PDB file of N, CA and C in Angstrom:
ATOM      1  N   MET A   1     124.236  83.399 101.202  1.00  0.00           N
ATOM      2  CA  MET A   1     124.183  84.886 101.174  1.00  0.00           C
ATOM      3  C   MET A   1     125.166  86.050 101.916  1.00  0.00           C
ATOM      4  N   ILE A   2     124.481  86.010 103.134  1.00  0.00           N
ATOM      5  CA  ILE A   2     125.200  86.653 104.208  1.00  0.00           C
ATOM      6  C   ILE A   2     125.691  85.490 105.213  1.00  0.00           C
ATOM      7  N   ASP A   3     126.743  85.006 104.683  1.00  0.00           N
ATOM      8  CA  ASP A   3     127.545  84.190 105.689  1.00  0.00           C
ATOM      9  C   ASP A   3     128.856  84.132 106.319  1.00  0.00           C
ATOM     10  N   GLN A   4     129.272  85.022 105.625  1.00  0.00           N
ATOM     11  CA  GLN A   4     130.570  85.341 106.004  1.00  0.00           C
ATOM     12  C   GLN A   4     131.253  85.555 107.365  1.00  0.00           C
ATOM     13  N   ASP A   5     130.937  86.912 108.104  1.00  0.00           N
ATOM     14  CA  ASP A   5     131.147  87.442 109.148  1.00  0.00           C
ATOM     15  C   ASP A   5     129.957  87.989 109.587  1.00  0.00           C
ATOM     16  N   THR A   6     128.848  86.974 110.155  1.00  0.00           N
ATOM     17  CA  THR A   6     127.674  87.694 110.637  1.00  0.00           C
ATOM     18  C   THR A   6     127.783  88.386 111.699  1.00  0.00           C
ATOM     19  N   THR A   7     129.088  88.437 112.618  1.00  0.00           N
ATOM     20  CA  THR A   7     128.929  89.347 113.506  1.00  0.00           C
ATOM     21  C   THR A   7     128.840  90.786 113.409  1.00  0.00           C
ATOM     22  N   ILE A   8     129.135  91.011 112.336  1.00  0.00           N
ATOM     23  CA  ILE A   8     129.231  92.455 111.688  1.00  0.00           C
ATOM     24  C   ILE A   8     127.818  93.412 111.588  1.00  0.00           C
ATOM     25  N   PHE A   9     126.845  92.618 111.910  1.00  0.00           N
ATOM     26  CA  PHE A   9     125.565  93.335 111.879  1.00  0.00           C
ATOM     27  C   PHE A   9     124.880  93.112 113.185  1.00  0.00           C
ATOM     28  N   ARG A  10     125.470  92.136 114.050  1.00  0.00           N
ATOM     29  CA  ARG A  10     125.034  92.225 115.867  1.00  0.00           C
ATOM     30  C   ARG A  10     125.263  93.662 116.381  1.00  0.00           C
ATOM     31  N   ASP A  11     124.331  93.977 116.642  1.00  0.00           N
ATOM     32  CA  ASP A  11     124.261  95.847 117.650  1.00  0.00           C
ATOM     33  C   ASP A  11     124.630  96.618 116.939  1.00  0.00           C
ATOM     34  N   ARG A  12     124.187  96.723 115.510  1.00  0.00           N
ATOM     35  CA  ARG A  12     124.692  97.727 114.717  1.00  0.00           C
ATOM     36  C   ARG A  12     123.198  98.068 114.210  1.00  0.00           C
ATOM     37  N   THR A  13     122.936  99.407 113.676  1.00  0.00           N
ATOM     38  CA  THR A  13     121.955  99.694 113.095  1.00  0.00           C
ATOM     39  C   THR A  13     122.336  99.904 111.279  1.00  0.00           C
ATOM     40  N   ILE A  14     121.411  98.936 110.930  1.00  0.00           N
ATOM     41  CA  ILE A  14     121.538  98.807 109.648  1.00  0.00           C
ATOM     42  C   ILE A  14     120.294  99.612 108.400  1.00  0.00           C
ATOM     43  N   LEU A  15     120.748  99.930 107.226  1.00  0.00           N
ATOM     44  CA  LEU A  15     119.383 100.598 106.532  1.00  0.00           C
ATOM     45  C   LEU A  15     119.514  99.651 105.327  1.00  0.00           C
ATOM     46  N   VAL A  16     118.636  98.986 104.789  1.00  0.00           N
ATOM     47  CA  VAL A  16     118.070  98.136 103.727  1.00  0.00           C
ATOM     48  C   VAL A  16     117.343  99.116 102.685  1.00  0.00           C
ATOM     49  N   THR A  17     117.935  99.468 101.641  1.00  0.00           N
ATOM     50  CA  THR A  17     117.257 100.132 100.593  1.00  0.00           C
ATOM     51  C   THR A  17     116.289  99.284  99.494  1.00  0.00           C
ATOM     52  N   GLY A  18     115.280  99.462  99.319  1.00  0.00           N
ATOM     53  CA  GLY A  18     114.391  98.449  98.234  1.00  0.00           C
ATOM     54  C   GLY A  18     114.283  97.179  99.278  1.00  0.00           C
ATOM     55  N   GLY A  19     114.071  97.315 100.513  1.00  0.00           N
ATOM     56  CA  GLY A  19     113.755  96.201 101.478  1.00  0.00           C
ATOM     57  C   GLY A  19     112.397  95.501 101.374  1.00  0.00           C
ATOM     58  N   THR A  20     111.610  96.023 100.364  1.00  0.00           N
ATOM     59  CA  THR A  20     110.477  95.326 100.222  1.00  0.00           C
ATOM     60  C   THR A  20     110.501  94.659  98.824  1.00  0.00           C
ATOM     61  N   GLY A  21     111.208  94.681  98.033  1.00  0.00           N
ATOM     62  CA  GLY A  21     111.271  93.724  96.633  1.00  0.00           C
ATOM     63  C   GLY A  21     111.813  92.110  97.150  1.00  0.00           C
ATOM     64  N   SER A  22     111.735  91.320  96.118  1.00  0.00           N
ATOM     65  CA  SER A  22     112.006  90.132  96.525  1.00  0.00           C
ATOM     66  C   SER A  22     113.437  89.742  97.221  1.00  0.00           C
ATOM     67  N   ILE A  23     114.248  90.262  96.653  1.00  0.00           N
ATOM     68  CA  ILE A  23     115.742  90.047  97.233  1.00  0.00           C
ATOM     69  C   ILE A  23     115.782  90.745  98.488  1.00  0.00           C
ATOM     70  N   GLY A  24     115.130  92.067  98.578  1.00  0.00           N
ATOM     71  CA  GLY A  24     115.526  93.000  99.878  1.00  0.00           C
ATOM     72  C   GLY A  24     114.555  92.456 100.884  1.00  0.00           C
ATOM     73  N   GLY A  25     113.513  91.889 100.507  1.00  0.00           N
ATOM     74  CA  GLY A  25     113.035  91.474 101.742  1.00  0.00           C
ATOM     75  C   GLY A  25     113.581  90.213 102.142  1.00  0.00           C
ATOM     76  N   GLU A  26     114.338  89.140 101.556  1.00  0.00           N
ATOM     77  CA  GLU A  26     114.788  88.236 102.201  1.00  0.00           C
ATOM     78  C   GLU A  26     116.119  88.614 102.725  1.00  0.00           C
ATOM     79  N   VAL A  27     116.985  89.505 102.442  1.00  0.00           N
ATOM     80  CA  VAL A  27     118.031  90.458 102.984  1.00  0.00           C
ATOM     81  C   VAL A  27     117.289  90.745 104.763  1.00  0.00           C
ATOM     82  N   VAL A  28     116.495  91.607 104.580  1.00  0.00           N
ATOM     83  CA  VAL A  28     115.588  91.841 105.941  1.00  0.00           C
ATOM     84  C   VAL A  28     115.575  90.793 106.778  1.00  0.00           C
ATOM     85  N   ARG A  29     114.754  89.911 106.175  1.00  0.00           N
ATOM     86  CA  ARG A  29     114.533  88.542 106.990  1.00  0.00           C
ATOM     87  C   ARG A  29     115.970  87.962 107.438  1.00  0.00           C
ATOM     88  N   ARG A  30     116.669  87.834 107.031  1.00  0.00           N
ATOM     89  CA  ARG A  30     118.314  86.999 107.250  1.00  0.00           C
ATOM     90  C   ARG A  30     119.051  88.387 108.464  1.00  0.00           C
ATOM     91  N   ILE A  31     119.019  89.426 107.871  1.00  0.00           N
ATOM     92  CA  ILE A  31     119.676  90.326 108.884  1.00  0.00           C
ATOM     93  C   ILE A  31     118.727  90.412 110.307  1.00  0.00           C
ATOM     94  N   LEU A  32     117.592  90.170 110.252  1.00  0.00           N
ATOM     95  CA  LEU A  32     116.707  90.098 111.643  1.00  0.00           C
ATOM     96  C   LEU A  32     117.387  89.048 112.523  1.00  0.00           C
ATOM     97  N   ASP A  33     117.577  87.856 112.008  1.00  0.00           N
ATOM     98  CA  ASP A  33     118.412  86.877 112.566  1.00  0.00           C
ATOM     99  C   ASP A  33     119.402  86.479 112.998  1.00  0.00           C
ATOM    100  N   LEU A  34     120.459  87.834 112.669  1.00  0.00           N
ATOM    101  CA  LEU A  34     121.771  88.220 113.166  1.00  0.00           C
ATOM    102  C   LEU A  34     121.727  89.198 114.440  1.00  0.00           C
ATOM    103  N   GLY A  35     120.710  89.684 114.833  1.00  0.00           N
ATOM    104  CA  GLY A  35     120.967  90.525 116.292  1.00  0.00           C
ATOM    105  C   GLY A  35     121.068  92.362 115.988  1.00  0.00           C
ATOM    106  N   PRO A  36     120.605  92.852 114.739  1.00  0.00           N
ATOM    107  CA  PRO A  36     121.067  94.327 114.764  1.00  0.00           C
ATOM    108  C   PRO A  36     120.242  94.847 115.861  1.00  0.00           C
ATOM    109  N   ARG A  37     120.762  95.919 116.192  1.00  0.00           N
ATOM    110  CA  ARG A  37     120.299  97.042 117.225  1.00  0.00           C
ATOM    111  C   ARG A  37     119.165  97.444 116.936  1.00  0.00           C
ATOM    112  N   ALA A  38     118.841  98.018 115.203  1.00  0.00           N
ATOM    113  CA  ALA A  38     117.854  98.517 114.827  1.00  0.00           C
ATOM    114  C   ALA A  38     118.284  98.393 113.109  1.00  0.00           C
ATOM    115  N   LEU A  39     117.272  98.097 112.789  1.00  0.00           N
ATOM    116  CA  LEU A  39     116.887  97.676 111.247  1.00  0.00           C
ATOM    117  C   LEU A  39     115.962  98.211 110.458  1.00  0.00           C
ATOM    118  N   ARG A  40     116.328  99.504 109.641  1.00  0.00           N
ATOM    119  CA  ARG A  40     115.407 100.420 108.956  1.00  0.00           C
ATOM    120  C   ARG A  40     115.203  99.715 107.344  1.00  0.00           C
ATOM    121  N   VAL A  41     114.227  99.664 106.761  1.00  0.00           N
ATOM    122  CA  VAL A  41     113.635  99.271 105.768  1.00  0.00           C
ATOM    123  C   VAL A  41     113.151 100.710 104.721  1.00  0.00           C
ATOM    124  N   LEU A  42     113.963 100.866 103.892  1.00  0.00           N
ATOM    125  CA  LEU A  42     113.513 102.113 102.777  1.00  0.00           C
ATOM    126  C   LEU A  42     113.016 101.323 101.708  1.00  0.00           C
ATOM    127  N   SER A  43     111.749 102.096 101.391  1.00  0.00           N
ATOM    128  CA  SER A  43     111.202 101.703 100.212  1.00  0.00           C
ATOM    129  C   SER A  43     110.199 102.730  99.693  1.00  0.00           C
ATOM    130  N   ARG A  44     109.733 102.832  98.453  1.00  0.00           N
ATOM    131  CA  ARG A  44     108.829 103.748  98.074  1.00  0.00           C
ATOM    132  C   ARG A  44     107.242 102.900  98.130  1.00  0.00           C
ATOM    133  N   ASP A  45     107.166 101.599  98.045  1.00  0.00           N
ATOM    134  CA  ASP A  45     106.111 101.000  98.242  1.00  0.00           C
ATOM    135  C   ASP A  45     105.389 100.624  99.306  1.00  0.00           C
ATOM    136  N   ASP A  46     104.418 101.580  99.557  1.00  0.00           N
ATOM    137  CA  ASP A  46     103.698 101.298 101.111  1.00  0.00           C
ATOM    138  C   ASP A  46     102.785 100.042 101.287  1.00  0.00           C
ATOM    139  N   SER A  47     102.473  99.891 100.315  1.00  0.00           N
ATOM    140  CA  SER A  47     101.564  98.181 100.261  1.00  0.00           C
ATOM    141  C   SER A  47     102.623  97.264 100.684  1.00  0.00           C
ATOM    142  N   LYS A  48     103.491  97.404 100.273  1.00  0.00           N
ATOM    143  CA  LYS A  48     104.703  96.077 100.233  1.00  0.00           C
ATOM    144  C   LYS A  48     105.055  96.295 101.509  1.00  0.00           C
ATOM    145  N   GLN A  49     105.665  97.679 102.088  1.00  0.00           N
ATOM    146  CA  GLN A  49     105.858  97.764 103.418  1.00  0.00           C
ATOM    147  C   GLN A  49     104.952  97.472 104.212  1.00  0.00           C
ATOM    148  N   PHE A  50     103.282  97.662 104.343  1.00  0.00           N
ATOM    149  CA  PHE A  50     102.556  97.155 105.153  1.00  0.00           C
ATOM    150  C   PHE A  50     102.660  95.369 105.361  1.00  0.00           C
ATOM    151  N   GLU A  51     102.740  94.835 103.954  1.00  0.00           N
ATOM    152  CA  GLU A  51     102.853  93.485 104.265  1.00  0.00           C
ATOM    153  C   GLU A  51     103.915  92.876 104.788  1.00  0.00           C
ATOM    154  N   LEU A  52     105.263  93.274 104.274  1.00  0.00           N
ATOM    155  CA  LEU A  52     106.333  93.201 105.415  1.00  0.00           C
ATOM    156  C   LEU A  52     106.140  93.205 106.822  1.00  0.00           C
ATOM    157  N   ALA A  53     106.028  94.328 107.253  1.00  0.00           N
ATOM    158  CA  ALA A  53     105.614  94.750 108.358  1.00  0.00           C
ATOM    159  C   ALA A  53     104.607  93.585 109.106  1.00  0.00           C
ATOM    160  N   GLN A  54     103.838  93.381 108.518  1.00  0.00           N
ATOM    161  CA  GLN A  54     102.855  92.630 109.511  1.00  0.00           C
ATOM    162  C   GLN A  54     103.405  91.168 109.579  1.00  0.00           C
ATOM    163  N   GLU A  55     104.114  90.632 108.430  1.00  0.00           N
ATOM    164  CA  GLU A  55     104.652  89.287 108.473  1.00  0.00           C
ATOM    165  C   GLU A  55     105.801  89.498 109.564  1.00  0.00           C
ATOM    166  N   LEU A  56     106.591  90.459 109.608  1.00  0.00           N
ATOM    167  CA  LEU A  56     107.394  90.549 110.801  1.00  0.00           C
ATOM    168  C   LEU A  56     107.173  91.298 112.092  1.00  0.00           C
ATOM    169  N   ARG A  57     105.869  91.688 112.111  1.00  0.00           N
ATOM    170  CA  ARG A  57     105.419  92.362 113.600  1.00  0.00           C
ATOM    171  C   ARG A  57     106.090  91.810 114.693  1.00  0.00           C
ATOM    172  N   GLY A  58     106.116  92.528 115.821  1.00  0.00           N
ATOM    173  CA  GLY A  58     106.557  92.036 117.150  1.00  0.00           C
ATOM    174  C   GLY A  58     108.208  92.445 117.216  1.00  0.00           C
ATOM    175  N   ARG A  59     108.843  92.793 116.240  1.00  0.00           N
ATOM    176  CA  ARG A  59     109.908  92.885 116.051  1.00  0.00           C
ATOM    177  C   ARG A  59     110.461  94.560 116.174  1.00  0.00           C
ATOM    178  N   PRO A  60     110.772  94.657 117.378  1.00  0.00           N
ATOM    179  CA  PRO A  60     111.167  95.958 117.953  1.00  0.00           C
ATOM    180  C   PRO A  60     111.982  97.055 117.375  1.00  0.00           C
ATOM    181  N   GLU A  61     113.109  96.092 116.744  1.00  0.00           N
ATOM    182  CA  GLU A  61     114.159  96.768 116.132  1.00  0.00           C
ATOM    183  C   GLU A  61     114.074  97.108 114.631  1.00  0.00           C
ATOM    184  N   LEU A  62     112.698  96.791 114.108  1.00  0.00           N
ATOM    185  CA  LEU A  62     112.567  96.784 112.678  1.00  0.00           C
ATOM    186  C   LEU A  62     111.533  98.339 112.568  1.00  0.00           C
ATOM    187  N   ARG A  63     112.084  99.162 111.618  1.00  0.00           N
ATOM    188  CA  ARG A  63     111.170 100.473 111.325  1.00  0.00           C
ATOM    189  C   ARG A  63     111.279 100.760 109.875  1.00  0.00           C
ATOM    190  N   MET A  64     109.942 100.740 109.333  1.00  0.00           N
ATOM    191  CA  MET A  64     109.995 100.617 107.983  1.00  0.00           C
ATOM    192  C   MET A  64     109.903 102.433 107.592  1.00  0.00           C
ATOM    193  N   LEU A  65     110.516 102.662 106.512  1.00  0.00           N
ATOM    194  CA  LEU A  65     110.620 104.217 105.807  1.00  0.00           C
ATOM    195  C   LEU A  65     110.186 104.015 104.546  1.00  0.00           C
ATOM    196  N   ILE A  66     109.264 105.113 104.437  1.00  0.00           N
ATOM    197  CA  ILE A  66     108.831 105.379 102.915  1.00  0.00           C
ATOM    198  C   ILE A  66     109.607 106.367 102.594  1.00  0.00           C
ATOM    199  N   GLY A  67     110.391 105.904 101.351  1.00  0.00           N
ATOM    200  CA  GLY A  67     111.300 107.223 100.464  1.00  0.00           C
ATOM    201  C   GLY A  67     111.955 106.516  99.155  1.00  0.00           C
ATOM    202  N   ASP A  68     112.448 107.188  98.602  1.00  0.00           N
ATOM    203  CA  ASP A  68     113.226 106.888  97.304  1.00  0.00           C
ATOM    204  C   ASP A  68     114.634 107.554  97.543  1.00  0.00           C
ATOM    205  N   VAL A  69     115.419 106.499  97.438  1.00  0.00           N
ATOM    206  CA  VAL A  69     117.017 107.172  97.287  1.00  0.00           C
ATOM    207  C   VAL A  69     117.403 108.092  96.214  1.00  0.00           C
ATOM    208  N   ARG A  70     116.334 108.339  95.192  1.00  0.00           N
ATOM    209  CA  ARG A  70     116.631 109.244  93.842  1.00  0.00           C
ATOM    210  C   ARG A  70     116.117 110.478  94.769  1.00  0.00           C
ATOM    211  N   SER A  71     115.427 110.749  95.896  1.00  0.00           N
ATOM    212  CA  SER A  71     114.593 112.073  96.082  1.00  0.00           C
ATOM    213  C   SER A  71     115.945 112.810  97.105  1.00  0.00           C
ATOM    214  N   ARG A  72     116.313 113.867  96.979  1.00  0.00           N
ATOM    215  CA  ARG A  72     116.917 114.802  97.897  1.00  0.00           C
ATOM    216  C   ARG A  72     116.093 114.976  99.426  1.00  0.00           C
TER     217      ARG A  72
END
């Protein structure tokens, strides 16, 4: 999935929209392994955000954001 040039994620700030869904959650997990400076996860579902944050706790580069890309 993310196997091409993985150095493009290192020391960058990354935003994953829909990051608590089944695909988005896996993208988040894989990007965390690639050394981003900051990883922001945007999603509408606060309970799924809580679950993912608990699973990945202790990762200072991770921040969960409640929102919807359709909202101004």
